[in-house]
Amino acid sequence: MEELLEIYYRNFPNNIRDNRIVKKILSNPNNYVIEKRIDGKLVGVSLINKNTILMLCVDYNYRNKGIGTRLLNESERYILDQGYDKVNIGEGFDYLMPGVPINEENINFFTRRFYMHSWGNDECFDMDMELKDTICEYNLNDMINGIKYRLATIDDLEQIKKCTDDAEKSFTEYYMNKDLYDVNNDQIVLVAEDNNEICGTLIISKETEAPNMGSVGCTTTKCNHRGKGIATTMVKIGTKYLKDLGYKYGHLGYTYTGLDRMYGKAGYRISTKYFMAEKPLVKIKDFNQSIDTIKKK
């Protein structure tokens, strides 16, 4: 596992992911690893789980020698042999990165091999912000346009569930973690409250991704409270809270088209875009059988 960790950090030095999560993903006993070694040194690797290639990389000095192509071809054959008809790069069963970090070299490598962006016209990206300027004049427990913004307690859990179920049900499971309601935890919950009704939620994370860095996310607003700037205000107050704690950077991972407008109002800017790569796979023997059938007709 140490070799996998080293090659990951050599090839993705700017990827922001909690080191504990990276180690957990790399050490999954169900991973399948395809290696390329030169003189005993690991210089290229493909890490696969189910039909997801979690990591495919070749050290800089060994690129453009066909190593990446061979690793990808072997990965596709392995995934086909496991009974899958599609391969995901990055996002899928789990992820070290949401997708393939976009640069010209990366995109050409995968598009030449018939990989497509699976999100249509929508984009996936990270957003970042240096916490040095005035973010807003608001603070926790302020009342703004009739809405109070405060940290949640365990007693709020039932109302929070109603809010997230209404706004974005897929987020509810994250808010059911009772550890979030301990203010000393590295993740806590900020809520917006209208006449004792919780109408918005936000998770604030403290140094869960990297030192001196905080994050906000899983933002929800009840449907009947949208259009009032509640989500943007929560983001601003949550980010200011991180700044007041002394953190230097704010990071939003795995964000997508539409949310850039809301987070952008708080000062976050897109830093890395991802190619959400996928490719359908077809066994050669099945293809040949189809050709024979067509000929007979």
Foldseek 3Di string as FASTA:
>chain_A
DVLVVVQCCQFCVPQWAFPVVVVVVVPPPQKDKDFDDDPRHTFWIFIDHQQEGQDTDGHPVPPPPCPSVVRVVVSLVVNVVVPAFKHWYADDPHYSANAAWDDPVVVVVVVVVPWAQPPPPKWWFKWKFFLDDQQDPDEAQDQDPQKHKHWDAPVCLVLVCVQCCQWPNVLNVVSVPNVQRPPPDQKHKMFIAHPNHTFKIKIKGHQSGHPLEIEIDPITGHPVPPPPLPSLVNLSRSSVVSVVVPRGMYMDGTDMPPVCVSNVSSPIDTDTIHRRIMDGHDDPVVVVVVVVVVVVD
